[in-house]
């Protein structure tokens, strides 16, 4: 759900990089 929100907030066709999506994970320090 966090990843989808971040992707929708990014410019169309230019989603956040994997590292940014990974940081949204609740258990990954």
ModelCIF file with pLDDT and N, C-alpha, C, O atoms, coordinates in Angstrom:
data_MODEL
#
_entry.id   MODEL 
#
_entity.id                         1 
_entity.type                       polymer 
_entity.pdbx_number_of_molecules   1 
#
_entity_poly.entity_id                      1 
_entity_poly.type                           'polypeptide(L)' 
_entity_poly.nstd_linkage                   no 
_entity_poly.nstd_monomer                   no 
_entity_poly.pdbx_seq_one_letter_code       
;(UNK)(UNK)(UNK)(UNK)(UNK)(UNK)(UNK)(UNK)(UNK)(UNK)(UNK)(UNK)(UNK)(UNK)(UNK)(UNK)
(UNK)(UNK)(UNK)(UNK)(UNK)(UNK)(UNK)(UNK)(UNK)(UNK)(UNK)(UNK)(UNK)
;
_entity_poly.pdbx_seq_one_letter_code_can   XXXXXXXXXXXXXXXXXXXXXXXXXXXXX 
_entity_poly.pdbx_strand_id                 A 
#
loop_
_entity_poly_seq.entity_id 
_entity_poly_seq.num 
_entity_poly_seq.mon_id 
_entity_poly_seq.hetero 
1 1  UNK n 
1 2  UNK n 
1 3  UNK n 
1 4  UNK n 
1 5  UNK n 
1 6  UNK n 
1 7  UNK n 
1 8  UNK n 
1 9  UNK n 
1 10 UNK n 
1 11 UNK n 
1 12 UNK n 
1 13 UNK n 
1 14 UNK n 
1 15 UNK n 
1 16 UNK n 
1 17 UNK n 
1 18 UNK n 
1 19 UNK n 
1 20 UNK n 
1 21 UNK n 
1 22 UNK n 
1 23 UNK n 
1 24 UNK n 
1 25 UNK n 
1 26 UNK n 
1 27 UNK n 
1 28 UNK n 
1 29 UNK n 
#
_struct_asym.id          A 
_struct_asym.entity_id   1 
#
loop_
_ma_qa_metric.id 
_ma_qa_metric.mode 
_ma_qa_metric.name 
_ma_qa_metric.software_group_id 
_ma_qa_metric.type 
1 global pLDDT . pLDDT 
2 local  pLDDT . pLDDT 
#
_ma_qa_metric_global.metric_id      1 
_ma_qa_metric_global.metric_value   92.83 
_ma_qa_metric_global.model_id       1 
_ma_qa_metric_global.ordinal_id     1 
#
loop_
_ma_qa_metric_local.label_asym_id 
_ma_qa_metric_local.label_comp_id 
_ma_qa_metric_local.label_seq_id 
_ma_qa_metric_local.metric_id 
_ma_qa_metric_local.metric_value 
_ma_qa_metric_local.model_id 
_ma_qa_metric_local.ordinal_id 
A UNK 1  2 97.00 1 1  
A UNK 2  2 97.00 1 2  
A UNK 3  2 97.00 1 3  
A UNK 4  2 97.00 1 4  
A UNK 5  2 97.00 1 5  
A UNK 6  2 97.00 1 6  
A UNK 7  2 97.00 1 7  
A UNK 8  2 96.00 1 8  
A UNK 9  2 96.00 1 9  
A UNK 10 2 94.00 1 10 
A UNK 11 2 94.00 1 11 
A UNK 12 2 88.00 1 12 
A UNK 13 2 88.00 1 13 
A UNK 14 2 94.00 1 14 
A UNK 15 2 94.00 1 15 
A UNK 16 2 95.00 1 16 
A UNK 17 2 94.00 1 17 
A UNK 18 2 93.00 1 18 
A UNK 19 2 91.00 1 19 
A UNK 20 2 93.00 1 20 
A UNK 21 2 94.00 1 21 
A UNK 22 2 93.00 1 22 
A UNK 23 2 92.00 1 23 
A UNK 24 2 94.00 1 24 
A UNK 25 2 94.00 1 25 
A UNK 26 2 92.00 1 26 
A UNK 27 2 88.00 1 27 
A UNK 28 2 82.00 1 28 
A UNK 29 2 74.00 1 29 
#
loop_
_atom_site.group_PDB 
_atom_site.id 
_atom_site.type_symbol 
_atom_site.label_atom_id 
_atom_site.label_alt_id 
_atom_site.label_comp_id 
_atom_site.label_asym_id 
_atom_site.label_entity_id 
_atom_site.label_seq_id 
_atom_site.pdbx_PDB_ins_code 
_atom_site.Cartn_x 
_atom_site.Cartn_y 
_atom_site.Cartn_z 
_atom_site.occupancy 
_atom_site.B_iso_or_equiv 
_atom_site.pdbx_formal_charge 
_atom_site.auth_seq_id 
_atom_site.auth_comp_id 
_atom_site.auth_asym_id 
_atom_site.auth_atom_id 
_atom_site.pdbx_PDB_model_num 
ATOM 1   N N  . UNK A 1 1  ? 0.834  -1.199 0.000   1.00 97.00 ? 1  UNK A N  1 
ATOM 2   C CA . UNK A 1 1  ? 0.000  0.000  0.000   1.00 97.00 ? 1  UNK A CA 1 
ATOM 3   C C  . UNK A 1 1  ? 0.872  1.253  0.000   1.00 97.00 ? 1  UNK A C  1 
ATOM 4   O O  . UNK A 1 1  ? 0.556  2.230  -0.680  1.00 97.00 ? 1  UNK A O  1 
ATOM 5   N N  . UNK A 1 2  ? 1.967  1.230  0.760   1.00 97.00 ? 2  UNK A N  1 
ATOM 6   C CA . UNK A 1 2  ? 2.899  2.356  0.767   1.00 97.00 ? 2  UNK A CA 1 
ATOM 7   C C  . UNK A 1 2  ? 3.584  2.509  -0.595  1.00 97.00 ? 2  UNK A C  1 
ATOM 8   O O  . UNK A 1 2  ? 3.744  3.619  -1.102  1.00 97.00 ? 2  UNK A O  1 
ATOM 9   N N  . UNK A 1 3  ? 3.976  1.393  -1.165  1.00 97.00 ? 3  UNK A N  1 
ATOM 10  C CA . UNK A 1 3  ? 4.644  1.433  -2.471  1.00 97.00 ? 3  UNK A CA 1 
ATOM 11  C C  . UNK A 1 3  ? 3.696  2.004  -3.524  1.00 97.00 ? 3  UNK A C  1 
ATOM 12  O O  . UNK A 1 3  ? 4.088  2.855  -4.322  1.00 97.00 ? 3  UNK A O  1 
ATOM 13  N N  . UNK A 1 4  ? 2.459  1.538  -3.523  1.00 97.00 ? 4  UNK A N  1 
ATOM 14  C CA . UNK A 1 4  ? 1.497  2.039  -4.507  1.00 97.00 ? 4  UNK A CA 1 
ATOM 15  C C  . UNK A 1 4  ? 1.289  3.539  -4.347  1.00 97.00 ? 4  UNK A C  1 
ATOM 16  O O  . UNK A 1 4  ? 1.221  4.265  -5.338  1.00 97.00 ? 4  UNK A O  1 
ATOM 17  N N  . UNK A 1 5  ? 1.188  4.006  -3.110  1.00 97.00 ? 5  UNK A N  1 
ATOM 18  C CA . UNK A 1 5  ? 1.020  5.448  -2.883  1.00 97.00 ? 5  UNK A CA 1 
ATOM 19  C C  . UNK A 1 5  ? 2.215  6.226  -3.429  1.00 97.00 ? 5  UNK A C  1 
ATOM 20  O O  . UNK A 1 5  ? 2.051  7.279  -4.047  1.00 97.00 ? 5  UNK A O  1 
ATOM 21  N N  . UNK A 1 6  ? 3.426  5.696  -3.195  1.00 97.00 ? 6  UNK A N  1 
ATOM 22  C CA . UNK A 1 6  ? 4.628  6.382  -3.687  1.00 97.00 ? 6  UNK A CA 1 
ATOM 23  C C  . UNK A 1 6  ? 4.688  6.385  -5.206  1.00 97.00 ? 6  UNK A C  1 
ATOM 24  O O  . UNK A 1 6  ? 5.091  7.379  -5.809  1.00 97.00 ? 6  UNK A O  1 
ATOM 25  N N  . UNK A 1 7  ? 4.293  5.288  -5.826  1.00 97.00 ? 7  UNK A N  1 
ATOM 26  C CA . UNK A 1 7  ? 4.302  5.197  -7.287  1.00 97.00 ? 7  UNK A CA 1 
ATOM 27  C C  . UNK A 1 7  ? 3.280  6.156  -7.882  1.00 97.00 ? 7  UNK A C  1 
ATOM 28  O O  . UNK A 1 7  ? 3.551  6.801  -8.894  1.00 97.00 ? 7  UNK A O  1 
ATOM 29  N N  . UNK A 1 8  ? 2.124  6.253  -7.272  1.00 96.00 ? 8  UNK A N  1 
ATOM 30  C CA . UNK A 1 8  ? 1.095  7.159  -7.773  1.00 96.00 ? 8  UNK A CA 1 
ATOM 31  C C  . UNK A 1 8  ? 1.495  8.624  -7.601  1.00 96.00 ? 8  UNK A C  1 
ATOM 32  O O  . UNK A 1 8  ? 1.084  9.477  -8.387  1.00 96.00 ? 8  UNK A O  1 
ATOM 33  N N  . UNK A 1 9  ? 2.293  8.914  -6.579  1.00 96.00 ? 9  UNK A N  1 
ATOM 34  C CA . UNK A 1 9  ? 2.755  10.285 -6.361  1.00 96.00 ? 9  UNK A CA 1 
ATOM 35  C C  . UNK A 1 9  ? 3.883  10.676 -7.317  1.00 96.00 ? 9  UNK A C  1 
ATOM 36  O O  . UNK A 1 9  ? 4.124  11.863 -7.538  1.00 96.00 ? 9  UNK A O  1 
ATOM 37  N N  . UNK A 1 10 ? 4.577  9.681  -7.886  1.00 94.00 ? 10 UNK A N  1 
ATOM 38  C CA . UNK A 1 10 ? 5.695  9.952  -8.801  1.00 94.00 ? 10 UNK A CA 1 
ATOM 39  C C  . UNK A 1 10 ? 5.163  10.274 -10.198 1.00 94.00 ? 10 UNK A C  1 
ATOM 40  O O  . UNK A 1 10 ? 4.020  9.941  -10.513 1.00 94.00 ? 10 UNK A O  1 
ATOM 41  N N  . UNK A 1 11 ? 5.969  10.910 -11.029 1.00 94.00 ? 11 UNK A N  1 
ATOM 42  C CA . UNK A 1 11 ? 5.542  11.171 -12.410 1.00 94.00 ? 11 UNK A CA 1 
ATOM 43  C C  . UNK A 1 11 ? 5.208  9.866  -13.132 1.00 94.00 ? 11 UNK A C  1 
ATOM 44  O O  . UNK A 1 11 ? 5.864  8.847  -12.917 1.00 94.00 ? 11 UNK A O  1 
ATOM 45  N N  . UNK A 1 12 ? 4.202  9.901  -13.976 1.00 88.00 ? 12 UNK A N  1 
ATOM 46  C CA . UNK A 1 12 ? 3.781  8.713  -14.708 1.00 88.00 ? 12 UNK A CA 1 
ATOM 47  C C  . UNK A 1 12 ? 4.937  8.169  -15.544 1.00 88.00 ? 12 UNK A C  1 
ATOM 48  O O  . UNK A 1 12 ? 5.556  8.900  -16.317 1.00 88.00 ? 12 UNK A O  1 
ATOM 49  N N  . UNK A 1 13 ? 5.214  6.901  -15.382 1.00 88.00 ? 13 UNK A N  1 
ATOM 50  C CA . UNK A 1 13 ? 6.287  6.270  -16.127 1.00 88.00 ? 13 UNK A CA 1 
ATOM 51  C C  . UNK A 1 13 ? 7.651  6.412  -15.490 1.00 88.00 ? 13 UNK A C  1 
ATOM 52  O O  . UNK A 1 13 ? 8.639  5.900  -16.015 1.00 88.00 ? 13 UNK A O  1 
ATOM 53  N N  . UNK A 1 14 ? 7.717  7.110  -14.350 1.00 94.00 ? 14 UNK A N  1 
ATOM 54  C CA . UNK A 1 14 ? 8.996  7.304  -13.661 1.00 94.00 ? 14 UNK A CA 1 
ATOM 55  C C  . UNK A 1 14 ? 8.827  6.966  -12.176 1.00 94.00 ? 14 UNK A C  1 
ATOM 56  O O  . UNK A 1 14 ? 8.904  7.859  -11.333 1.00 94.00 ? 14 UNK A O  1 
ATOM 57  N N  . UNK A 1 15 ? 8.599  5.699  -11.848 1.00 94.00 ? 15 UNK A N  1 
ATOM 58  C CA . UNK A 1 15 ? 8.343  5.312  -10.453 1.00 94.00 ? 15 UNK A CA 1 
ATOM 59  C C  . UNK A 1 15 ? 9.600  5.479  -9.598  1.00 94.00 ? 15 UNK A C  1 
ATOM 60  O O  . UNK A 1 15 ? 10.699 5.599  -10.138 1.00 94.00 ? 15 UNK A O  1 
ATOM 61  N N  . UNK A 1 16 ? 9.450  5.488  -8.287  1.00 95.00 ? 16 UNK A N  1 
ATOM 62  C CA . UNK A 1 16 ? 10.622 5.586  -7.408  1.00 95.00 ? 16 UNK A CA 1 
ATOM 63  C C  . UNK A 1 16 ? 11.559 4.402  -7.645  1.00 95.00 ? 16 UNK A C  1 
ATOM 64  O O  . UNK A 1 16 ? 11.107 3.328  -8.044  1.00 95.00 ? 16 UNK A O  1 
ATOM 65  N N  . UNK A 1 17 ? 12.854 4.586  -7.404  1.00 94.00 ? 17 UNK A N  1 
ATOM 66  C CA . UNK A 1 17 ? 13.789 3.468  -7.567  1.00 94.00 ? 17 UNK A CA 1 
ATOM 67  C C  . UNK A 1 17 ? 13.530 2.387  -6.524  1.00 94.00 ? 17 UNK A C  1 
ATOM 68  O O  . UNK A 1 17 ? 12.864 2.618  -5.515  1.00 94.00 ? 17 UNK A O  1 
ATOM 69  N N  . UNK A 1 18 ? 14.072 1.200  -6.792  1.00 93.00 ? 18 UNK A N  1 
ATOM 70  C CA . UNK A 1 18 ? 13.849 0.071  -5.896  1.00 93.00 ? 18 UNK A CA 1 
ATOM 71  C C  . UNK A 1 18 ? 14.274 0.387  -4.467  1.00 93.00 ? 18 UNK A C  1 
ATOM 72  O O  . UNK A 1 18 ? 13.582 0.005  -3.523  1.00 93.00 ? 18 UNK A O  1 
ATOM 73  N N  . UNK A 1 19 ? 15.411 1.087  -4.288  1.00 91.00 ? 19 UNK A N  1 
ATOM 74  C CA . UNK A 1 19 ? 15.887 1.397  -2.946  1.00 91.00 ? 19 UNK A CA 1 
ATOM 75  C C  . UNK A 1 19 ? 14.857 2.214  -2.171  1.00 91.00 ? 19 UNK A C  1 
ATOM 76  O O  . UNK A 1 19 ? 14.668 2.000  -0.974  1.00 91.00 ? 19 UNK A O  1 
ATOM 77  N N  . UNK A 1 20 ? 14.195 3.142  -2.844  1.00 93.00 ? 20 UNK A N  1 
ATOM 78  C CA . UNK A 1 20 ? 13.167 3.950  -2.177  1.00 93.00 ? 20 UNK A CA 1 
ATOM 79  C C  . UNK A 1 20 ? 11.957 3.096  -1.815  1.00 93.00 ? 20 UNK A C  1 
ATOM 80  O O  . UNK A 1 20 ? 11.380 3.268  -0.741  1.00 93.00 ? 20 UNK A O  1 
ATOM 81  N N  . UNK A 1 21 ? 11.569 2.182  -2.692  1.00 94.00 ? 21 UNK A N  1 
ATOM 82  C CA . UNK A 1 21 ? 10.434 1.299  -2.386  1.00 94.00 ? 21 UNK A CA 1 
ATOM 83  C C  . UNK A 1 21 ? 10.777 0.363  -1.242  1.00 94.00 ? 21 UNK A C  1 
ATOM 84  O O  . UNK A 1 21 ? 9.935  0.077  -0.391  1.00 94.00 ? 21 UNK A O  1 
ATOM 85  N N  . UNK A 1 22 ? 12.018 -0.117 -1.221  1.00 93.00 ? 22 UNK A N  1 
ATOM 86  C CA . UNK A 1 22 ? 12.451 -1.023 -0.168  1.00 93.00 ? 22 UNK A CA 1 
ATOM 87  C C  . UNK A 1 22 ? 12.389 -0.333 1.194   1.00 93.00 ? 22 UNK A C  1 
ATOM 88  O O  . UNK A 1 22 ? 12.031 -0.958 2.192   1.00 93.00 ? 22 UNK A O  1 
ATOM 89  N N  . UNK A 1 23 ? 12.741 0.961  1.236   1.00 92.00 ? 23 UNK A N  1 
ATOM 90  C CA . UNK A 1 23 ? 12.740 1.689  2.504   1.00 92.00 ? 23 UNK A CA 1 
ATOM 91  C C  . UNK A 1 23 ? 11.348 1.851  3.094   1.00 92.00 ? 23 UNK A C  1 
ATOM 92  O O  . UNK A 1 23 ? 11.213 2.163  4.277   1.00 92.00 ? 23 UNK A O  1 
ATOM 93  N N  . UNK A 1 24 ? 10.327 1.647  2.302   1.00 94.00 ? 24 UNK A N  1 
ATOM 94  C CA . UNK A 1 24 ? 8.951  1.763  2.790   1.00 94.00 ? 24 UNK A CA 1 
ATOM 95  C C  . UNK A 1 24 ? 8.495  0.521  3.541   1.00 94.00 ? 24 UNK A C  1 
ATOM 96  O O  . UNK A 1 24 ? 7.439  0.530  4.174   1.00 94.00 ? 24 UNK A O  1 
ATOM 97  N N  . UNK A 1 25 ? 9.280  -0.542 3.477   1.00 94.00 ? 25 UNK A N  1 
ATOM 98  C CA . UNK A 1 25 ? 8.909  -1.789 4.152   1.00 94.00 ? 25 UNK A CA 1 
ATOM 99  C C  . UNK A 1 25 ? 8.958  -1.589 5.668   1.00 94.00 ? 25 UNK A C  1 
ATOM 100 O O  . UNK A 1 25 ? 9.953  -1.080 6.185   1.00 94.00 ? 25 UNK A O  1 
ATOM 101 N N  . UNK A 1 26 ? 7.902  -1.981 6.390   1.00 92.00 ? 26 UNK A N  1 
ATOM 102 C CA . UNK A 1 26 ? 7.861  -1.704 7.836   1.00 92.00 ? 26 UNK A CA 1 
ATOM 103 C C  . UNK A 1 26 ? 8.896  -2.454 8.662   1.00 92.00 ? 26 UNK A C  1 
ATOM 104 O O  . UNK A 1 26 ? 9.184  -2.047 9.787   1.00 92.00 ? 26 UNK A O  1 
ATOM 105 N N  . UNK A 1 27 ? 9.467  -3.544 8.136   1.00 88.00 ? 27 UNK A N  1 
ATOM 106 C CA . UNK A 1 27 ? 10.399 -4.342 8.927   1.00 88.00 ? 27 UNK A CA 1 
ATOM 107 C C  . UNK A 1 27 ? 11.849 -4.192 8.510   1.00 88.00 ? 27 UNK A C  1 
ATOM 108 O O  . UNK A 1 27 ? 12.736 -4.736 9.169   1.00 88.00 ? 27 UNK A O  1 
ATOM 109 N N  . UNK A 1 28 ? 12.111 -3.466 7.429   1.00 82.00 ? 28 UNK A N  1 
ATOM 110 C CA . UNK A 1 28 ? 13.481 -3.342 6.935   1.00 82.00 ? 28 UNK A CA 1 
ATOM 111 C C  . UNK A 1 28 ? 14.125 -2.103 7.539   1.00 82.00 ? 28 UNK A C  1 
ATOM 112 O O  . UNK A 1 28 ? 13.681 -0.980 7.299   1.00 82.00 ? 28 UNK A O  1 
ATOM 113 N N  . UNK A 1 29 ? 15.176 -2.316 8.325   1.00 74.00 ? 29 UNK A N  1 
ATOM 114 C CA . UNK A 1 29 ? 15.854 -1.197 8.985   1.00 74.00 ? 29 UNK A CA 1 
ATOM 115 C C  . UNK A 1 29 ? 16.727 -0.446 7.993   1.00 74.00 ? 29 UNK A C  1 
ATOM 116 O O  . UNK A 1 29 ? 17.380 0.531  8.362   1.00 74.00 ? 29 UNK A O  1 
#
